[in-house]
Amino acid sequence: MWRLGRSDTFVRTARRLLRRDPKVVPRLAAALERLEADPHDPRLRLHRLHGPLAGLWSVRVTYRVRLILTVEEERHEIILLDIGTHDEVYD
């Protein structure tokens, strides 16, 4: 079991996103459950980022929505950093 932490930025942007698009709520809940169980679950499409976000990871919540995070393999810890549409989190 992995431990999930949340940054202040993630909490703020998640509230805004979920208010704007409530249909994302069940998809985000499912993604967070999968992350806790196994971040390498292929349904999450976990992948490393490059360029300005090098060192961070991304998970696909929906076709449009991405979750940006860090993965601490040794400590079995995941820190959720940001969430938003593809353009919001990668720009």
N, C-alpha and C. Protein backbone atom coordinates (compact mmCIF):
# COMPACT_ATOMS: atom_id res chain seq x y z
N MET A 1 0.84 -1.18 0.00
CA MET A 1 0.00 0.00 0.00
C MET A 1 0.89 1.25 0.00
N TRP A 2 0.57 2.17 -0.87
CA TRP A 2 1.31 3.42 -0.98
C TRP A 2 0.61 4.52 -0.19
N ARG A 3 1.38 5.45 0.33
CA ARG A 3 0.82 6.58 1.07
C ARG A 3 0.73 7.78 0.13
N LEU A 4 -0.43 8.46 0.13
CA LEU A 4 -0.64 9.64 -0.71
C LEU A 4 -0.56 10.91 0.12
N GLY A 5 0.23 11.85 -0.36
CA GLY A 5 0.28 13.18 0.24
C GLY A 5 -0.24 14.19 -0.78
N ARG A 6 -0.72 15.31 -0.30
CA ARG A 6 -1.29 16.33 -1.19
C ARG A 6 -0.66 17.69 -0.91
N SER A 7 -0.21 18.34 -1.97
CA SER A 7 0.34 19.69 -1.82
C SER A 7 -0.82 20.69 -1.76
N ASP A 8 -0.53 21.88 -1.25
CA ASP A 8 -1.56 22.93 -1.20
C ASP A 8 -2.05 23.28 -2.61
N THR A 9 -1.13 23.29 -3.56
CA THR A 9 -1.51 23.58 -4.95
C THR A 9 -2.49 22.53 -5.46
N PHE A 10 -2.22 21.26 -5.18
CA PHE A 10 -3.12 20.21 -5.63
C PHE A 10 -4.51 20.39 -5.03
N VAL A 11 -4.58 20.66 -3.75
CA VAL A 11 -5.88 20.83 -3.08
C VAL A 11 -6.66 21.97 -3.72
N ARG A 12 -5.99 23.09 -3.95
CA ARG A 12 -6.65 24.27 -4.53
C ARG A 12 -7.12 23.99 -5.96
N THR A 13 -6.24 23.43 -6.79
CA THR A 13 -6.62 23.20 -8.19
C THR A 13 -7.64 22.08 -8.32
N ALA A 14 -7.59 21.09 -7.43
CA ALA A 14 -8.58 20.01 -7.47
C ALA A 14 -9.97 20.54 -7.14
N ARG A 15 -10.06 21.39 -6.13
CA ARG A 15 -11.36 21.99 -5.78
C ARG A 15 -11.93 22.76 -6.96
N ARG A 16 -11.10 23.56 -7.58
CA ARG A 16 -11.54 24.37 -8.72
C ARG A 16 -11.97 23.49 -9.89
N LEU A 17 -11.17 22.47 -10.20
CA LEU A 17 -11.49 21.56 -11.30
C LEU A 17 -12.79 20.80 -11.04
N LEU A 18 -12.94 20.28 -9.84
CA LEU A 18 -14.12 19.47 -9.51
C LEU A 18 -15.39 20.32 -9.44
N ARG A 19 -15.26 21.57 -9.07
CA ARG A 19 -16.41 22.49 -9.10
C ARG A 19 -16.81 22.78 -10.55
N ARG A 20 -15.82 22.95 -11.39
CA ARG A 20 -16.04 23.27 -12.79
C ARG A 20 -16.56 22.06 -13.57
N ASP A 21 -16.08 20.87 -13.22
CA ASP A 21 -16.42 19.65 -13.96
C ASP A 21 -16.68 18.50 -12.99
N PRO A 22 -17.88 18.42 -12.38
CA PRO A 22 -18.16 17.39 -11.37
C PRO A 22 -18.11 15.96 -11.90
N LYS A 23 -18.18 15.78 -13.21
CA LYS A 23 -18.11 14.43 -13.78
C LYS A 23 -16.74 13.78 -13.56
N VAL A 24 -15.74 14.59 -13.22
CA VAL A 24 -14.38 14.08 -13.00
C VAL A 24 -14.26 13.40 -11.63
N VAL A 25 -15.17 13.70 -10.70
CA VAL A 25 -15.06 13.20 -9.33
C VAL A 25 -14.88 11.67 -9.27
N PRO A 26 -15.76 10.88 -9.88
CA PRO A 26 -15.56 9.42 -9.78
C PRO A 26 -14.29 8.93 -10.46
N ARG A 27 -13.89 9.57 -11.53
CA ARG A 27 -12.66 9.17 -12.23
C ARG A 27 -11.43 9.49 -11.38
N LEU A 28 -11.45 10.65 -10.71
CA LEU A 28 -10.34 11.00 -9.83
C LEU A 28 -10.29 10.05 -8.65
N ALA A 29 -11.42 9.74 -8.06
CA ALA A 29 -11.46 8.80 -6.93
C ALA A 29 -10.89 7.45 -7.34
N ALA A 30 -11.25 6.96 -8.51
CA ALA A 30 -10.74 5.68 -9.00
C ALA A 30 -9.23 5.74 -9.22
N ALA A 31 -8.76 6.84 -9.78
CA ALA A 31 -7.31 7.01 -10.02
C ALA A 31 -6.54 7.03 -8.70
N LEU A 32 -7.07 7.71 -7.70
CA LEU A 32 -6.39 7.78 -6.40
C LEU A 32 -6.37 6.41 -5.72
N GLU A 33 -7.45 5.65 -5.84
CA GLU A 33 -7.46 4.29 -5.28
C GLU A 33 -6.42 3.42 -5.97
N ARG A 34 -6.32 3.53 -7.28
CA ARG A 34 -5.33 2.74 -8.02
C ARG A 34 -3.91 3.15 -7.64
N LEU A 35 -3.69 4.46 -7.47
CA LEU A 35 -2.37 4.94 -7.06
C LEU A 35 -1.98 4.36 -5.71
N GLU A 36 -2.92 4.35 -4.77
CA GLU A 36 -2.63 3.79 -3.44
C GLU A 36 -2.31 2.30 -3.52
N ALA A 37 -3.03 1.59 -4.35
CA ALA A 37 -2.83 0.14 -4.46
C ALA A 37 -1.55 -0.19 -5.23
N ASP A 38 -1.39 0.44 -6.41
CA ASP A 38 -0.23 0.15 -7.27
C ASP A 38 -0.08 1.26 -8.29
N PRO A 39 0.87 2.17 -8.09
CA PRO A 39 1.03 3.28 -9.03
C PRO A 39 1.44 2.83 -10.43
N HIS A 40 1.90 1.61 -10.57
CA HIS A 40 2.32 1.12 -11.88
C HIS A 40 1.20 0.37 -12.61
N ASP A 41 -0.02 0.48 -12.11
CA ASP A 41 -1.18 -0.10 -12.77
C ASP A 41 -1.26 0.52 -14.17
N PRO A 42 -1.29 -0.29 -15.23
CA PRO A 42 -1.28 0.25 -16.60
C PRO A 42 -2.45 1.18 -16.92
N ARG A 43 -3.57 1.03 -16.22
CA ARG A 43 -4.72 1.91 -16.48
C ARG A 43 -4.42 3.36 -16.13
N LEU A 44 -3.44 3.60 -15.27
CA LEU A 44 -3.09 4.96 -14.88
C LEU A 44 -2.22 5.67 -15.93
N ARG A 45 -1.54 4.90 -16.72
CA ARG A 45 -0.61 5.45 -17.72
C ARG A 45 0.43 6.37 -17.07
N LEU A 46 0.98 5.91 -15.97
CA LEU A 46 2.02 6.64 -15.25
C LEU A 46 3.25 6.77 -16.13
N HIS A 47 3.76 7.99 -16.26
CA HIS A 47 4.98 8.18 -17.04
C HIS A 47 5.76 9.39 -16.53
N ARG A 48 7.08 9.33 -16.74
CA ARG A 48 7.97 10.42 -16.35
C ARG A 48 7.77 11.60 -17.29
N LEU A 49 7.98 12.77 -16.75
CA LEU A 49 7.89 13.98 -17.57
C LEU A 49 9.29 14.47 -17.92
N HIS A 50 9.37 15.23 -18.99
CA HIS A 50 10.63 15.77 -19.48
C HIS A 50 10.52 17.28 -19.58
N GLY A 51 11.60 17.91 -19.94
CA GLY A 51 11.60 19.36 -20.11
C GLY A 51 11.49 20.08 -18.78
N PRO A 52 10.67 21.15 -18.73
CA PRO A 52 10.57 21.95 -17.50
C PRO A 52 10.03 21.15 -16.30
N LEU A 53 9.32 20.06 -16.55
CA LEU A 53 8.76 19.25 -15.47
C LEU A 53 9.56 17.96 -15.23
N ALA A 54 10.79 17.92 -15.71
CA ALA A 54 11.64 16.74 -15.54
C ALA A 54 11.74 16.38 -14.07
N GLY A 55 11.68 15.10 -13.79
CA GLY A 55 11.76 14.62 -12.41
C GLY A 55 10.38 14.36 -11.81
N LEU A 56 9.34 14.84 -12.46
CA LEU A 56 7.98 14.61 -12.00
C LEU A 56 7.33 13.52 -12.84
N TRP A 57 6.18 13.06 -12.40
CA TRP A 57 5.43 12.02 -13.08
C TRP A 57 4.04 12.52 -13.40
N SER A 58 3.39 11.87 -14.37
CA SER A 58 2.02 12.23 -14.74
C SER A 58 1.16 10.97 -14.79
N VAL A 59 -0.11 11.14 -14.42
CA VAL A 59 -1.11 10.08 -14.48
C VAL A 59 -2.30 10.62 -15.24
N ARG A 60 -2.88 9.78 -16.07
CA ARG A 60 -4.06 10.17 -16.84
C ARG A 60 -5.31 9.86 -16.00
N VAL A 61 -6.09 10.89 -15.67
CA VAL A 61 -7.34 10.72 -14.94
C VAL A 61 -8.48 10.52 -15.93
N THR A 62 -8.56 11.40 -16.92
CA THR A 62 -9.50 11.27 -18.03
C THR A 62 -8.74 11.61 -19.30
N TYR A 63 -9.44 11.61 -20.42
CA TYR A 63 -8.79 11.98 -21.67
C TYR A 63 -8.17 13.37 -21.58
N ARG A 64 -8.83 14.30 -20.89
CA ARG A 64 -8.36 15.68 -20.80
C ARG A 64 -7.55 15.98 -19.54
N VAL A 65 -7.82 15.28 -18.45
CA VAL A 65 -7.29 15.66 -17.13
C VAL A 65 -6.06 14.84 -16.77
N ARG A 66 -5.02 15.56 -16.30
CA ARG A 66 -3.78 14.93 -15.87
C ARG A 66 -3.50 15.28 -14.42
N LEU A 67 -2.82 14.37 -13.77
CA LEU A 67 -2.41 14.52 -12.38
C LEU A 67 -0.89 14.52 -12.36
N ILE A 68 -0.30 15.55 -11.78
CA ILE A 68 1.16 15.65 -11.70
C ILE A 68 1.57 15.27 -10.28
N LEU A 69 2.62 14.44 -10.18
CA LEU A 69 2.99 13.91 -8.86
C LEU A 69 4.46 13.55 -8.79
N THR A 70 4.92 13.27 -7.58
CA THR A 70 6.25 12.69 -7.38
C THR A 70 6.04 11.28 -6.83
N VAL A 71 6.99 10.41 -7.13
CA VAL A 71 6.93 9.03 -6.65
C VAL A 71 8.22 8.75 -5.88
N GLU A 72 8.07 8.41 -4.61
CA GLU A 72 9.20 8.04 -3.76
C GLU A 72 9.16 6.53 -3.58
N GLU A 73 9.84 5.80 -4.46
CA GLU A 73 9.78 4.33 -4.47
C GLU A 73 10.22 3.73 -3.13
N GLU A 74 11.32 4.23 -2.57
CA GLU A 74 11.87 3.66 -1.35
C GLU A 74 10.91 3.78 -0.17
N ARG A 75 10.21 4.91 -0.09
CA ARG A 75 9.31 5.17 1.04
C ARG A 75 7.86 4.80 0.74
N HIS A 76 7.60 4.31 -0.47
CA HIS A 76 6.22 3.99 -0.89
C HIS A 76 5.31 5.19 -0.65
N GLU A 77 5.76 6.34 -1.16
CA GLU A 77 5.01 7.57 -0.95
C GLU A 77 4.82 8.30 -2.28
N ILE A 78 3.63 8.83 -2.47
CA ILE A 78 3.30 9.61 -3.66
C ILE A 78 2.79 10.96 -3.19
N ILE A 79 3.35 12.02 -3.75
CA ILE A 79 2.90 13.38 -3.42
C ILE A 79 2.18 13.94 -4.64
N LEU A 80 0.91 14.27 -4.47
CA LEU A 80 0.10 14.87 -5.54
C LEU A 80 0.41 16.36 -5.58
N LEU A 81 0.88 16.84 -6.72
CA LEU A 81 1.33 18.22 -6.85
C LEU A 81 0.34 19.13 -7.56
N ASP A 82 -0.31 18.63 -8.61
CA ASP A 82 -1.20 19.48 -9.40
C ASP A 82 -2.16 18.60 -10.18
N ILE A 83 -3.28 19.17 -10.57
CA ILE A 83 -4.25 18.48 -11.41
C ILE A 83 -4.91 19.52 -12.30
N GLY A 84 -5.24 19.12 -13.51
CA GLY A 84 -5.90 20.04 -14.43
C GLY A 84 -5.92 19.46 -15.82
N THR A 85 -6.40 20.25 -16.75
CA THR A 85 -6.40 19.80 -18.14
C THR A 85 -4.96 19.72 -18.63
N HIS A 86 -4.78 19.03 -19.72
CA HIS A 86 -3.46 18.87 -20.31
C HIS A 86 -2.76 20.22 -20.45
N ASP A 87 -3.46 21.20 -21.02
CA ASP A 87 -2.86 22.52 -21.22
C ASP A 87 -2.57 23.24 -19.91
N GLU A 88 -3.40 23.06 -18.90
CA GLU A 88 -3.19 23.75 -17.62
C GLU A 88 -1.96 23.25 -16.89
N VAL A 89 -1.74 21.95 -16.87
CA VAL A 89 -0.62 21.43 -16.08
C VAL A 89 0.71 21.40 -16.83
N TYR A 90 0.67 21.38 -18.17
CA TYR A 90 1.92 21.32 -18.92
C TYR A 90 2.40 22.68 -19.41
N ASP A 91 1.62 23.71 -19.25
CA ASP A 91 2.07 25.06 -19.70
C ASP A 91 2.71 25.82 -18.57
